[in-house]
Amino acid sequence: MCCKFNCRPANQLFNSKGLTLDDLVVLFGAHTIGFAHCKHFLNQLYDYQGTKKSDPTIDPRLLKALRMSCPHFGGNADIVAVTPHIP
């Protein structure tokens, strides 16, 4: 589920500072690039397409790293780097 965010007030504030909608998108996006909430991909780690298995296209080393950061139960709110360092 996507967050519910009304960008109109933010855009008005940016406009009052001489900034554009493009500026708003760049600055807001820069704060989220490279990170994700576990809840958005947890099913790929533990129950891909209802199989009770992980997504077979995920590199096993990445899968192990993501599972360490996103436990099957209780990890929904956790935030992880989308491209973690893999040994």
Protein backbone atom coordinates (compact mmCIF):
# COMPACT_ATOMS: atom_id res chain seq x y z
CA MET A 1 0.00 0.00 0.00
CA CYS A 2 1.36 3.39 -0.97
CA CYS A 3 1.55 6.18 1.53
CA LYS A 4 -1.10 8.88 1.34
CA PHE A 5 0.71 12.14 0.87
CA ASN A 6 -0.77 15.38 -0.40
CA CYS A 7 2.02 17.16 -2.23
CA ARG A 8 0.03 20.34 -2.86
CA PRO A 9 1.05 22.06 0.43
CA ALA A 10 4.66 21.01 -0.06
CA ASN A 11 4.60 22.31 -3.63
CA GLN A 12 3.14 25.63 -2.43
CA LEU A 13 5.89 25.92 0.17
CA PHE A 14 8.56 25.14 -2.42
CA ASN A 15 7.03 27.67 -4.83
CA SER A 16 7.13 30.34 -2.12
CA LYS A 17 10.89 29.71 -1.87
CA GLY A 18 11.38 29.98 -5.63
CA LEU A 19 11.62 26.22 -6.14
CA THR A 20 9.75 24.12 -8.70
CA LEU A 21 7.83 20.86 -8.62
CA ASP A 22 10.92 19.22 -10.14
CA ASP A 23 12.95 20.47 -7.17
CA LEU A 24 10.40 18.97 -4.80
CA VAL A 25 10.53 15.58 -6.51
CA VAL A 26 14.32 15.50 -6.54
CA LEU A 27 14.67 16.51 -2.90
CA PHE A 28 11.96 14.17 -1.64
CA GLY A 29 13.26 11.28 -3.76
CA ALA A 30 16.83 11.75 -2.60
CA HIS A 31 15.74 10.85 0.92
CA THR A 32 14.39 7.46 -0.10
CA ILE A 33 16.65 6.21 -2.90
CA GLY A 34 18.47 3.07 -1.87
CA PHE A 35 16.20 2.09 1.00
CA ALA A 36 12.97 0.11 1.31
CA HIS A 37 10.61 -1.13 4.00
CA CYS A 38 10.77 -4.90 4.39
CA LYS A 39 6.98 -5.14 4.12
CA HIS A 40 7.20 -4.24 0.42
CA PHE A 41 9.24 -7.32 -0.52
CA LEU A 42 8.87 -9.71 2.43
CA ASN A 43 6.80 -12.12 0.36
CA GLN A 44 9.69 -12.48 -2.09
CA LEU A 45 11.93 -13.57 0.75
CA TYR A 46 9.60 -16.10 2.38
CA ASP A 47 6.50 -16.85 0.29
CA TYR A 48 7.03 -16.00 -3.35
CA GLN A 49 3.76 -16.41 -5.26
CA GLY A 50 2.33 -18.53 -2.44
CA THR A 51 5.04 -21.21 -2.72
CA LYS A 52 6.36 -20.81 0.86
CA LYS A 53 9.78 -20.40 -0.80
CA SER A 54 11.87 -17.40 -1.78
CA ASP A 55 11.89 -15.80 -5.21
CA PRO A 56 14.29 -18.03 -7.19
CA THR A 57 15.67 -15.04 -9.10
CA ILE A 58 17.20 -13.46 -5.97
CA ASP A 59 20.93 -14.06 -5.61
CA PRO A 60 21.41 -16.45 -2.65
CA ARG A 61 23.92 -14.10 -0.98
CA LEU A 62 21.51 -11.17 -1.26
CA LEU A 63 18.65 -13.37 -0.01
CA LYS A 64 20.66 -14.30 3.08
CA ALA A 65 21.53 -10.64 3.78
CA LEU A 66 17.93 -9.49 3.32
CA ARG A 67 16.56 -12.26 5.52
CA MET A 68 18.96 -11.21 8.28
CA SER A 69 17.59 -7.67 8.08
CA CYS A 70 13.96 -8.64 7.48
CA PRO A 71 12.81 -11.45 9.75
CA HIS A 72 9.80 -13.43 8.57
CA PHE A 73 7.71 -12.29 11.51
CA GLY A 74 7.94 -8.87 13.10
CA GLY A 75 10.13 -7.24 10.46
CA ASN A 76 7.52 -5.37 8.45
CA ALA A 77 8.50 -1.92 9.69
CA ASP A 78 12.23 -2.46 9.28
CA ILE A 79 14.07 -0.42 6.66
CA VAL A 80 16.99 -1.88 4.73
CA ALA A 81 19.39 -0.81 2.03
CA VAL A 82 18.13 -2.04 -1.31
CA THR A 83 21.69 -2.69 -2.46
CA PRO A 84 23.46 -3.92 0.68
CA HIS A 85 27.12 -4.86 0.69
CA ILE A 86 27.31 -8.56 -0.02
CA PRO A 87 30.50 -10.34 1.09
